[in-house]
Amino acid sequence: TLEERTRIFNEAADNGYHLFLEHDASNEICTLQQTEKGPRLDRTLSLNDM
């Protein structure tokens, strides 16, 4: 649900989680940052970057 996604994205941004994007071949991993509008994309990484 939208509420669950918002909660998960807020937690990921607050705790510096790396999110694995299995559906996206060019952006395999991302991190989020908190903004005044809520969590937004911070960085994208590949598995090789890890």
PDB file of N, CA and C in Angstrom:
ATOM      1  N   THR A   1       0.835  -1.187   0.000  1.00  0.00           N
ATOM      2  CA  THR A   1       0.000   0.000   0.000  1.00  0.00           C
ATOM      3  C   THR A   1       0.878   1.249   0.000  1.00  0.00           C
ATOM      4  N   LEU A   2       0.273   2.366  -0.280  1.00  0.00           N
ATOM      5  CA  LEU A   2       1.002   3.629  -0.286  1.00  0.00           C
ATOM      6  C   LEU A   2       1.543   3.961   1.100  1.00  0.00           C
ATOM      7  N   GLU A   3       0.767   3.685   2.133  1.00  0.00           N
ATOM      8  CA  GLU A   3       1.217   3.952   3.503  1.00  0.00           C
ATOM      9  C   GLU A   3       2.423   3.095   3.871  1.00  0.00           C
ATOM     10  N   GLU A   4       2.392   1.838   3.466  1.00  0.00           N
ATOM     11  CA  GLU A   4       3.507   0.936   3.754  1.00  0.00           C
ATOM     12  C   GLU A   4       4.766   1.377   2.999  1.00  0.00           C
ATOM     13  N   ARG A   5       4.616   1.754   1.750  1.00  0.00           N
ATOM     14  CA  ARG A   5       5.761   2.220   0.963  1.00  0.00           C
ATOM     15  C   ARG A   5       6.362   3.484   1.577  1.00  0.00           C
ATOM     16  N   THR A   6       5.512   4.406   2.011  1.00  0.00           N
ATOM     17  CA  THR A   6       5.989   5.634   2.648  1.00  0.00           C
ATOM     18  C   THR A   6       6.771   5.316   3.910  1.00  0.00           C
ATOM     19  N   ARG A   7       6.265   4.410   4.725  1.00  0.00           N
ATOM     20  CA  ARG A   7       6.951   4.019   5.962  1.00  0.00           C
ATOM     21  C   ARG A   7       8.307   3.389   5.653  1.00  0.00           C
ATOM     22  N   ILE A   8       8.350   2.495   4.677  1.00  0.00           N
ATOM     23  CA  ILE A   8       9.598   1.814   4.317  1.00  0.00           C
ATOM     24  C   ILE A   8      10.610   2.807   3.754  1.00  0.00           C
ATOM     25  N   PHE A   9      10.176   3.706   2.876  1.00  0.00           N
ATOM     26  CA  PHE A   9      11.087   4.694   2.292  1.00  0.00           C
ATOM     27  C   PHE A   9      11.608   5.659   3.345  1.00  0.00           C
ATOM     28  N   ASN A  10      10.766   6.071   4.294  1.00  0.00           N
ATOM     29  CA  ASN A  10      11.230   6.935   5.385  1.00  0.00           C
ATOM     30  C   ASN A  10      12.273   6.218   6.234  1.00  0.00           C
ATOM     31  N   GLU A  11      12.023   4.961   6.558  1.00  0.00           N
ATOM     32  CA  GLU A  11      12.976   4.180   7.352  1.00  0.00           C
ATOM     33  C   GLU A  11      14.295   4.020   6.601  1.00  0.00           C
ATOM     34  N   ALA A  12      14.224   3.746   5.306  1.00  0.00           N
ATOM     35  CA  ALA A  12      15.433   3.579   4.495  1.00  0.00           C
ATOM     36  C   ALA A  12      16.239   4.874   4.444  1.00  0.00           C
ATOM     37  N   ALA A  13      15.567   5.998   4.267  1.00  0.00           N
ATOM     38  CA  ALA A  13      16.264   7.287   4.212  1.00  0.00           C
ATOM     39  C   ALA A  13      16.876   7.630   5.565  1.00  0.00           C
ATOM     40  N   ASP A  14      16.151   7.394   6.634  1.00  0.00           N
ATOM     41  CA  ASP A  14      16.629   7.736   7.980  1.00  0.00           C
ATOM     42  C   ASP A  14      17.807   6.877   8.423  1.00  0.00           C
ATOM     43  N   ASN A  15      17.880   5.638   7.931  1.00  0.00           N
ATOM     44  CA  ASN A  15      18.893   4.698   8.401  1.00  0.00           C
ATOM     45  C   ASN A  15      19.971   4.368   7.377  1.00  0.00           C
ATOM     46  N   GLY A  16      19.951   5.017   6.219  1.00  0.00           N
ATOM     47  CA  GLY A  16      20.994   4.800   5.216  1.00  0.00           C
ATOM     48  C   GLY A  16      20.968   3.422   4.580  1.00  0.00           C
ATOM     49  N   TYR A  17      19.779   2.834   4.461  1.00  0.00           N
ATOM     50  CA  TYR A  17      19.670   1.514   3.844  1.00  0.00           C
ATOM     51  C   TYR A  17      20.005   1.580   2.359  1.00  0.00           C
ATOM     52  N   HIS A  18      20.543   0.491   1.839  1.00  0.00           N
ATOM     53  CA  HIS A  18      20.736   0.317   0.401  1.00  0.00           C
ATOM     54  C   HIS A  18      19.554  -0.508  -0.107  1.00  0.00           C
ATOM     55  N   LEU A  19      18.851  -0.004  -1.095  1.00  0.00           N
ATOM     56  CA  LEU A  19      17.685  -0.683  -1.649  1.00  0.00           C
ATOM     57  C   LEU A  19      18.066  -1.342  -2.966  1.00  0.00           C
ATOM     58  N   PHE A  20      17.798  -2.639  -3.073  1.00  0.00           N
ATOM     59  CA  PHE A  20      18.099  -3.398  -4.278  1.00  0.00           C
ATOM     60  C   PHE A  20      16.914  -3.299  -5.229  1.00  0.00           C
ATOM     61  N   LEU A  21      17.161  -2.821  -6.442  1.00  0.00           N
ATOM     62  CA  LEU A  21      16.110  -2.620  -7.436  1.00  0.00           C
ATOM     63  C   LEU A  21      16.183  -3.734  -8.473  1.00  0.00           C
ATOM     64  N   GLU A  22      15.574  -4.857  -8.173  1.00  0.00           N
ATOM     65  CA  GLU A  22      15.708  -6.020  -9.043  1.00  0.00           C
ATOM     66  C   GLU A  22      15.064  -5.817 -10.415  1.00  0.00           C
ATOM     67  N   HIS A  23      14.189  -4.855 -10.571  1.00  0.00           N
ATOM     68  CA  HIS A  23      13.525  -4.604 -11.850  1.00  0.00           C
ATOM     69  C   HIS A  23      14.298  -3.645 -12.751  1.00  0.00           C
ATOM     70  N   ASP A  24      15.385  -3.063 -12.252  1.00  0.00           N
ATOM     71  CA  ASP A  24      16.101  -2.014 -12.988  1.00  0.00           C
ATOM     72  C   ASP A  24      17.543  -2.454 -13.248  1.00  0.00           C
ATOM     73  N   ALA A  25      17.845  -2.793 -14.489  1.00  0.00           N
ATOM     74  CA  ALA A  25      19.177  -3.307 -14.825  1.00  0.00           C
ATOM     75  C   ALA A  25      20.255  -2.231 -14.796  1.00  0.00           C
ATOM     76  N   SER A  26      19.908  -0.976 -15.011  1.00  0.00           N
ATOM     77  CA  SER A  26      20.923   0.075 -15.042  1.00  0.00           C
ATOM     78  C   SER A  26      21.152   0.728 -13.680  1.00  0.00           C
ATOM     79  N   ASN A  27      20.194   0.654 -12.778  1.00  0.00           N
ATOM     80  CA  ASN A  27      20.329   1.180 -11.416  1.00  0.00           C
ATOM     81  C   ASN A  27      19.987   0.056 -10.443  1.00  0.00           C
ATOM     82  N   GLU A  28      20.985  -0.747 -10.120  1.00  0.00           N
ATOM     83  CA  GLU A  28      20.736  -1.954  -9.332  1.00  0.00           C
ATOM     84  C   GLU A  28      20.462  -1.665  -7.863  1.00  0.00           C
ATOM     85  N   ILE A  29      21.084  -0.618  -7.332  1.00  0.00           N
ATOM     86  CA  ILE A  29      20.973  -0.291  -5.910  1.00  0.00           C
ATOM     87  C   ILE A  29      20.805   1.218  -5.788  1.00  0.00           C
ATOM     88  N   CYS A  30      20.023   1.651  -4.797  1.00  0.00           N
ATOM     89  CA  CYS A  30      19.916   3.092  -4.560  1.00  0.00           C
ATOM     90  C   CYS A  30      19.875   3.368  -3.066  1.00  0.00           C
ATOM     91  N   THR A  31      20.176   4.605  -2.724  1.00  0.00           N
ATOM     92  CA  THR A  31      19.979   5.104  -1.367  1.00  0.00           C
ATOM     93  C   THR A  31      19.035   6.298  -1.462  1.00  0.00           C
ATOM     94  N   LEU A  32      18.356   6.571  -0.363  1.00  0.00           N
ATOM     95  CA  LEU A  32      17.410   7.675  -0.300  1.00  0.00           C
ATOM     96  C   LEU A  32      17.882   8.695   0.716  1.00  0.00           C
ATOM     97  N   GLN A  33      17.423   9.931   0.557  1.00  0.00           N
ATOM     98  CA  GLN A  33      17.702  10.975   1.539  1.00  0.00           C
ATOM     99  C   GLN A  33      16.387  11.663   1.884  1.00  0.00           C
ATOM    100  N   GLN A  34      16.305  12.199   3.088  1.00  0.00           N
ATOM    101  CA  GLN A  34      15.120  12.938   3.503  1.00  0.00           C
ATOM    102  C   GLN A  34      15.199  14.365   2.968  1.00  0.00           C
ATOM    103  N   THR A  35      14.102  14.858   2.417  1.00  0.00           N
ATOM    104  CA  THR A  35      13.982  16.243   1.984  1.00  0.00           C
ATOM    105  C   THR A  35      12.722  16.819   2.618  1.00  0.00           C
ATOM    106  N   GLU A  36      12.471  18.089   2.381  1.00  0.00           N
ATOM    107  CA  GLU A  36      11.256  18.700   2.917  1.00  0.00           C
ATOM    108  C   GLU A  36       9.999  18.087   2.307  1.00  0.00           C
ATOM    109  N   LYS A  37      10.148  17.402   1.173  1.00  0.00           N
ATOM    110  CA  LYS A  37       9.020  16.730   0.525  1.00  0.00           C
ATOM    111  C   LYS A  37       8.979  15.236   0.839  1.00  0.00           C
ATOM    112  N   GLY A  38       9.846  14.775   1.736  1.00  0.00           N
ATOM    113  CA  GLY A  38       9.902  13.359   2.079  1.00  0.00           C
ATOM    114  C   GLY A  38      11.106  12.701   1.443  1.00  0.00           C
ATOM    115  N   PRO A  39      11.169  11.372   1.481  1.00  0.00           N
ATOM    116  CA  PRO A  39      12.325  10.659   0.946  1.00  0.00           C
ATOM    117  C   PRO A  39      12.449  10.834  -0.567  1.00  0.00           C
ATOM    118  N   ARG A  40      13.693  11.082  -1.007  1.00  0.00           N
ATOM    119  CA  ARG A  40      13.992  11.226  -2.430  1.00  0.00           C
ATOM    120  C   ARG A  40      15.299  10.505  -2.733  1.00  0.00           C
ATOM    121  N   LEU A  41      15.514  10.203  -4.010  1.00  0.00           N
ATOM    122  CA  LEU A  41      16.715   9.509  -4.454  1.00  0.00           C
ATOM    123  C   LEU A  41      17.966  10.281  -4.045  1.00  0.00           C
ATOM    124  N   ASP A  42      18.926   9.562  -3.484  1.00  0.00           N
ATOM    125  CA  ASP A  42      20.216  10.144  -3.119  1.00  0.00           C
ATOM    126  C   ASP A  42      21.281   9.693  -4.112  1.00  0.00           C
ATOM    127  N   ARG A  43      21.554   8.379  -4.150  1.00  0.00           N
ATOM    128  CA  ARG A  43      22.593   7.840  -5.037  1.00  0.00           C
ATOM    129  C   ARG A  43      22.092   6.566  -5.691  1.00  0.00           C
ATOM    130  N   THR A  44      22.624   6.270  -6.867  1.00  0.00           N
ATOM    131  CA  THR A  44      22.420   4.966  -7.486  1.00  0.00           C
ATOM    132  C   THR A  44      23.776   4.293  -7.606  1.00  0.00           C
ATOM    133  N   LEU A  45      23.777   2.986  -7.452  1.00  0.00           N
ATOM    134  CA  LEU A  45      25.010   2.199  -7.469  1.00  0.00           C
ATOM    135  C   LEU A  45      24.789   0.918  -8.257  1.00  0.00           C
ATOM    136  N   SER A  46      25.887   0.306  -8.662  1.00  0.00           N
ATOM    137  CA  SER A  46      25.816  -1.032  -9.244  1.00  0.00           C
ATOM    138  C   SER A  46      26.309  -2.025  -8.196  1.00  0.00           C
ATOM    139  N   LEU A  47      26.068  -3.284  -8.439  1.00  0.00           N
ATOM    140  CA  LEU A  47      26.569  -4.306  -7.515  1.00  0.00           C
ATOM    141  C   LEU A  47      28.086  -4.262  -7.433  1.00  0.00           C
ATOM    142  N   ASN A  48      28.754  -3.919  -8.520  1.00  0.00           N
ATOM    143  CA  ASN A  48      30.216  -3.817  -8.513  1.00  0.00           C
ATOM    144  C   ASN A  48      30.704  -2.702  -7.600  1.00  0.00           C
ATOM    145  N   ASP A  49      29.890  -1.658  -7.398  1.00  0.00           N
ATOM    146  CA  ASP A  49      30.263  -0.557  -6.507  1.00  0.00           C
ATOM    147  C   ASP A  49      30.279  -0.985  -5.044  1.00  0.00           C
ATOM    148  N   MET A  50      29.557  -2.017  -4.734  1.00  0.00           N
ATOM    149  CA  MET A  50      29.460  -2.470  -3.349  1.00  0.00           C
ATOM    150  C   MET A  50      30.692  -3.261  -2.996  1.00  0.00           C
TER     151      MET A  50
END
